Every structure is written in structure tokens, then in C-alpha cells.
Amino acid sequence: MTKARDLSLAAKAPIASPVFTGNVGVGAGTALSPLDVKSGFITVSKDAATAGRIGASEYITGSTANDLIVQATGSGVTKLYQSGVNSLNIDAAGIVTKPLQPAFQAYKSSTNSNKTPNVEHVVLFGAENFDIGSNFAANYFTAPVTGKYQLTTNIRADDIDSAAAYYQVRIVTSNRAYYSIFDPDFGQDFNYWHLSYSILADMDAGDTAYVGFYQNGGSAQTDIDGDSKYTNFSGFLAC
């Protein structure tokens, strides 16, 4: 009689995971990377309870300087890195922040007096509250990438001349200019007037934007006030 084989030990032996030394292609004729998936998606799974999720302080990463790295932390914050730089955060409440998104706020630190009529004056902003990406310099914002930029300015003008035909505040970009206008025919000069303007402007990479001040007619008596609370210029990349 043939003796039955005892499979109990074999059944308990661990099954070795396959190890591939070359590239593996899914739906690919030729795999171009260690794991090359031509269609569909990849699900990361630790166990049944955490299927499709990355655990605390774990990474999806690669091996080159330009790798895209995703890190999930124990606090519920997901971080995205490109070339080793943190470029996007998603917190546990689903709030998305972009630490590198271009944004700036500049303001005047001194008053410019008695502006000459019939000449466009570039408004001088001598200081900044913030400048993400260092794209604002010498009173001009330079777009680092092509996109739509929200630009806003506030100007306090003192000693408004009622004899002037009109005043304009301009946001001038390389592509086009945007104007705000008012007629100061009040019957008397005004001590001050606040001018505000905002526009969503299309800008190409390398385009510039500045704030212009223009008075048509009247005398050279109007000042651009240097109080940062009233006179400032800000913007950010919207999309």
C-alpha cells in the first residue's frame, strides 16, 4: 500500500513572493520602467482594512531628481512633492493649499507729491508684505507661468483737483491695459479720494503688470498717498 503524503507541513510553509529583476509591463508591449501601466489604475493596498490607502508616514516615490512623491502623514495630511519641493497639501478637512502658488502684495512706503497732469505715472511700491516666488520687483509683477492672474490695486489720491477732466487708475499688462475712471467735477477740490480696481487678466509667462496713475487736465497738485493701508497692489495665479 502506498503511504499517503503528509501535506500538513507543506501547507504551512510560506509562499514566496515573486521577485522580478527586470521591468514589468501591464498592458504594455515593452515595459519602459520597473512598473509600466498603459491603462487603468494602480491600487495600493496593505490589507483589507486599508485597501487603496497609504498608511501613516508612507510614500509613493521614485528614484530620480524629478520624481513625484506623495506622502501621507498620521495627522491626515497628504503632501505632494516635485523634485523634492513641497508643492501641494491636502489636510484632513479636504482643504487644499499650494505653498508655491505665485502671489504677492506690495504697498507704498512714501508719498509721491504733485503729480504732473497728462502723463501716466507708474505707481511706486517700495515694500512688500509677501511675494511667493519672488516675482514682484521694481514696481512690476512678472508672470512666472502662463495663466489667469487676479490683480487688484487700491490708490489713495490726495488734493484732488476739481478742474481736472478725469482721473484714471490703470492696471497695465503686456497683453492689454484695464482702466478705472472718475470725473472730479465736485465744484471744489477734495482732500482725498480712494480709487480701487480689480481684474482677472490673462498673462503669458514673462509678461509684466504695473499700476499706472493718470490725471487729464488740471494742475499738478495731486499726491499719491504713501500709507500702506490705502495704497497697495496685489495679485495671484488663479488658474
Protein backbone atom coordinates (compact mmCIF):
# COMPACT_ATOMS: atom_id res chain seq x y z
CA MET A 1 0.00 0.00 0.00
CA THR A 2 1.27 3.40 -0.94
CA LYS A 3 1.75 5.61 2.06
CA ALA A 4 -0.17 8.91 1.89
CA ARG A 5 1.99 12.02 1.79
CA ASP A 6 1.76 14.31 4.79
CA LEU A 7 0.92 17.73 3.33
CA SER A 8 0.41 19.47 6.65
CA LEU A 9 3.92 20.89 6.75
CA ALA A 10 3.83 21.91 3.10
CA ALA A 11 0.50 23.66 3.67
CA LYS A 12 2.02 25.71 6.46
CA ALA A 13 5.11 26.70 4.52
CA PRO A 14 5.11 30.38 3.49
CA ILE A 15 4.61 31.15 -0.17
CA ALA A 16 7.46 33.21 -1.51
CA SER A 17 6.52 36.46 -3.24
CA PRO A 18 7.65 36.68 -6.85
CA VAL A 19 10.65 38.90 -7.44
CA PHE A 20 11.28 40.44 -10.86
CA THR A 21 14.71 41.77 -11.72
CA GLY A 22 13.62 43.39 -14.98
CA ASN A 23 10.79 45.74 -15.98
CA VAL A 24 7.18 44.64 -15.60
CA GLY A 25 4.58 45.79 -18.12
CA VAL A 26 0.80 45.77 -17.64
CA GLY A 27 -0.96 46.25 -20.96
CA ALA A 28 2.39 47.21 -22.44
CA GLY A 29 4.23 45.52 -25.27
CA THR A 30 7.55 46.73 -23.90
CA ALA A 31 7.90 47.91 -20.31
CA LEU A 32 9.79 51.21 -20.19
CA SER A 33 10.12 51.32 -16.41
CA PRO A 34 10.17 48.88 -13.48
CA LEU A 35 6.34 49.07 -13.45
CA ASP A 36 4.78 50.33 -16.68
CA VAL A 37 0.95 50.52 -16.68
CA LYS A 38 -0.50 51.59 -20.00
CA SER A 39 -4.16 51.84 -18.92
CA GLY A 40 -6.35 51.59 -15.85
CA PHE A 41 -5.05 52.48 -12.42
CA ILE A 42 -2.94 51.13 -9.59
CA THR A 43 -4.44 50.41 -6.16
CA VAL A 44 -2.11 50.48 -3.17
CA SER A 45 -3.24 48.02 -0.50
CA LYS A 46 -1.78 46.97 2.83
CA ASP A 47 -4.66 44.78 3.97
CA ALA A 48 -8.42 44.57 3.68
CA ALA A 49 -8.97 47.38 6.19
CA THR A 50 -6.70 49.83 4.41
CA ALA A 51 -7.15 48.80 0.78
CA GLY A 52 -6.41 51.64 -1.61
CA ARG A 53 -4.88 53.82 1.09
CA ILE A 54 -1.37 54.75 2.10
CA GLY A 55 -0.66 54.40 5.78
CA ALA A 56 0.85 56.94 8.16
CA SER A 57 4.18 58.38 7.03
CA GLU A 58 4.34 56.21 3.92
CA TYR A 59 5.39 57.29 0.45
CA ILE A 60 4.86 56.68 -3.21
CA THR A 61 8.11 57.74 -4.74
CA GLY A 62 10.77 57.00 -7.34
CA SER A 63 14.49 57.29 -7.71
CA THR A 64 15.30 60.35 -9.83
CA ALA A 65 15.54 64.06 -9.03
CA ASN A 66 12.27 64.80 -10.86
CA ASP A 67 10.21 62.11 -9.17
CA LEU A 68 6.69 62.87 -7.98
CA ILE A 69 6.43 61.95 -4.30
CA VAL A 70 3.19 61.55 -2.35
CA GLN A 71 3.40 61.37 1.44
CA ALA A 72 0.52 60.57 3.76
CA THR A 73 1.05 61.51 7.40
CA GLY A 74 -0.56 60.31 10.59
CA SER A 75 -2.34 63.66 11.01
CA GLY A 76 -4.37 63.07 7.87
CA VAL A 77 -2.33 65.48 5.75
CA THR A 78 -1.31 64.41 2.27
CA LYS A 79 1.71 66.16 0.79
CA LEU A 80 2.81 66.25 -2.84
CA TYR A 81 6.47 66.80 -3.71
CA GLN A 82 8.01 67.50 -7.11
CA SER A 83 11.81 67.41 -7.37
CA GLY A 84 11.97 67.34 -3.57
CA VAL A 85 9.89 70.51 -3.11
CA ASN A 86 6.51 70.51 -1.32
CA SER A 87 4.03 71.87 -3.88
CA LEU A 88 0.57 70.82 -2.60
CA ASN A 89 -1.06 69.92 0.73
CA ILE A 90 -4.46 68.36 1.44
CA ASP A 91 -5.44 68.35 5.10
CA ALA A 92 -7.89 66.11 6.95
CA ALA A 93 -10.75 68.55 6.22
CA GLY A 94 -10.07 68.41 2.49
CA ILE A 95 -8.60 71.93 2.36
CA VAL A 96 -6.02 72.28 -0.42
CA THR A 97 -3.10 74.69 -0.12
CA LYS A 98 -0.34 75.31 -2.65
CA PRO A 99 2.82 76.63 -0.95
CA LEU A 100 4.44 77.61 -4.27
CA GLN A 101 1.41 79.27 -5.92
CA PRO A 102 2.54 82.71 -7.19
CA ALA A 103 1.08 85.51 -5.05
CA PHE A 104 2.24 88.94 -3.93
CA GLN A 105 1.18 92.06 -2.04
CA ALA A 106 3.18 95.27 -2.38
CA TYR A 107 2.47 98.67 -0.85
CA LYS A 108 3.66 102.26 -0.92
CA SER A 109 6.00 103.36 1.82
CA SER A 110 6.24 107.05 0.90
CA THR A 111 4.06 109.74 -0.69
CA ASN A 112 4.65 111.00 -4.25
CA SER A 113 3.54 114.63 -4.42
CA ASN A 114 2.18 116.99 -7.09
CA LYS A 115 1.90 114.53 -9.97
CA THR A 116 2.13 116.14 -13.40
CA PRO A 117 -1.14 116.04 -15.40
CA ASN A 118 -1.44 114.37 -18.82
CA VAL A 119 1.35 111.89 -18.05
CA GLU A 120 0.94 108.28 -16.93
CA HIS A 121 2.87 107.72 -13.70
CA VAL A 122 3.96 104.21 -12.73
CA VAL A 123 2.89 103.90 -9.08
CA LEU A 124 5.93 103.22 -6.93
CA PHE A 125 5.55 100.45 -4.35
CA GLY A 126 8.52 100.49 -2.02
CA ALA A 127 7.82 97.43 0.14
CA GLU A 128 6.13 94.03 0.20
CA ASN A 129 4.10 92.08 2.72
CA PHE A 130 4.75 88.84 0.83
CA ASP A 131 5.97 87.67 -2.56
CA ILE A 132 5.72 83.92 -3.15
CA GLY A 133 8.14 83.06 -5.91
CA SER A 134 9.87 86.48 -5.87
CA ASN A 135 8.02 87.65 -8.99
CA PHE A 136 7.49 91.29 -7.93
CA ALA A 137 10.38 93.74 -8.28
CA ALA A 138 10.89 97.43 -9.08
CA ASN A 139 7.12 98.12 -9.14
CA TYR A 140 6.42 95.38 -11.73
CA PHE A 141 4.95 91.90 -11.35
CA THR A 142 6.30 89.33 -13.82
CA ALA A 143 4.16 86.26 -14.53
CA PRO A 144 6.25 83.12 -13.95
CA VAL A 145 3.87 80.91 -15.99
CA THR A 146 1.07 81.43 -18.49
CA GLY A 147 -2.34 81.67 -16.83
CA LYS A 148 -5.12 83.88 -15.49
CA TYR A 149 -4.00 86.27 -12.74
CA GLN A 150 -6.25 88.15 -10.31
CA LEU A 151 -4.75 91.64 -9.95
CA THR A 152 -6.04 94.27 -7.50
CA THR A 153 -4.93 97.79 -6.65
CA ASN A 154 -6.01 100.44 -4.16
CA ILE A 155 -4.82 104.03 -4.54
CA ARG A 156 -5.41 106.95 -2.20
CA ALA A 157 -5.08 110.25 -4.07
CA ASP A 158 -4.83 113.46 -2.03
CA ASP A 159 -5.63 117.03 -3.10
CA ILE A 160 -7.96 116.06 -5.93
CA ASP A 161 -8.25 118.89 -8.48
CA SER A 162 -11.89 119.51 -9.45
CA ALA A 163 -10.64 121.29 -12.58
CA ALA A 164 -9.25 118.04 -13.99
CA ALA A 165 -11.31 116.41 -16.74
CA TYR A 166 -10.85 112.95 -15.19
CA TYR A 167 -8.53 110.68 -13.21
CA GLN A 168 -7.63 107.10 -14.10
CA VAL A 169 -6.09 104.19 -12.25
CA ARG A 170 -4.74 101.64 -14.66
CA ILE A 171 -3.59 98.03 -14.34
CA VAL A 172 -1.35 97.62 -17.36
CA THR A 173 -0.19 94.19 -18.54
CA SER A 174 1.88 93.18 -21.54
CA ASN A 175 -1.27 91.94 -23.30
CA ARG A 176 -3.61 94.86 -22.54
CA ALA A 177 -4.50 97.64 -20.10
CA TYR A 178 -7.52 97.95 -17.80
CA TYR A 179 -8.80 101.36 -16.65
CA SER A 180 -10.87 102.76 -13.81
CA ILE A 181 -12.03 106.37 -14.31
CA PHE A 182 -13.87 109.13 -12.45
CA ASP A 183 -14.72 112.78 -13.09
CA PRO A 184 -13.83 115.06 -10.12
CA ASP A 185 -16.29 117.84 -11.06
CA PHE A 186 -17.45 118.36 -7.47
CA GLY A 187 -17.46 122.16 -7.55
CA GLN A 188 -14.48 122.19 -5.18
CA ASP A 189 -11.22 120.34 -4.63
CA PHE A 190 -11.34 117.21 -2.48
CA ASN A 191 -8.82 116.47 0.27
CA TYR A 192 -8.61 112.80 -0.75
CA TRP A 193 -10.26 110.15 -2.91
CA HIS A 194 -9.91 106.36 -2.83
CA LEU A 195 -9.55 104.52 -6.15
CA SER A 196 -9.86 100.72 -6.33
CA TYR A 197 -9.72 98.36 -9.27
CA SER A 198 -9.54 94.60 -9.78
CA ILE A 199 -9.30 92.47 -12.90
CA LEU A 200 -8.77 88.83 -13.87
CA ALA A 201 -6.07 89.24 -16.52
CA ASP A 202 -4.60 86.77 -18.98
CA MET A 203 -0.82 86.79 -18.84
CA ASP A 204 1.82 84.79 -20.64
CA ALA A 205 5.00 83.62 -18.95
CA GLY A 206 7.33 86.61 -18.75
CA ASP A 207 4.55 89.22 -19.14
CA THR A 208 4.61 92.14 -16.72
CA ALA A 209 1.94 94.13 -14.89
CA TYR A 210 2.12 97.51 -13.19
CA VAL A 211 -0.23 100.15 -11.77
CA GLY A 212 -0.49 103.46 -13.61
CA PHE A 213 -1.94 106.78 -12.37
CA TYR A 214 -3.20 109.39 -14.85
CA GLN A 215 -4.75 112.85 -14.47
CA ASN A 216 -6.22 114.57 -17.52
CA GLY A 217 -6.07 118.35 -17.26
CA GLY A 218 -5.99 120.50 -14.14
CA SER A 219 -2.92 121.44 -12.14
CA ALA A 220 -0.02 119.49 -10.67
CA GLN A 221 -1.30 119.27 -7.11
CA THR A 222 -2.46 115.68 -6.59
CA ASP A 223 -0.42 113.33 -4.39
CA ILE A 224 -0.33 109.52 -4.37
CA ASP A 225 -0.51 108.81 -0.66
CA GLY A 226 2.18 106.61 0.88
CA ASP A 227 0.09 104.94 3.59
CA SER A 228 0.22 101.16 3.06
CA LYS A 229 -3.34 100.77 4.35
CA TYR A 230 -4.66 102.79 1.41
CA THR A 231 -2.20 102.32 -1.45
CA ASN A 232 -1.23 98.77 -2.42
CA PHE A 233 -1.02 96.27 -5.27
CA SER A 234 -1.64 92.53 -5.01
CA GLY A 235 -2.19 89.52 -7.21
CA PHE A 236 -2.11 85.74 -7.52
CA LEU A 237 -2.30 83.00 -10.11
CA ALA A 238 -5.98 81.99 -10.24
CA CYS A 239 -5.85 79.26 -12.87
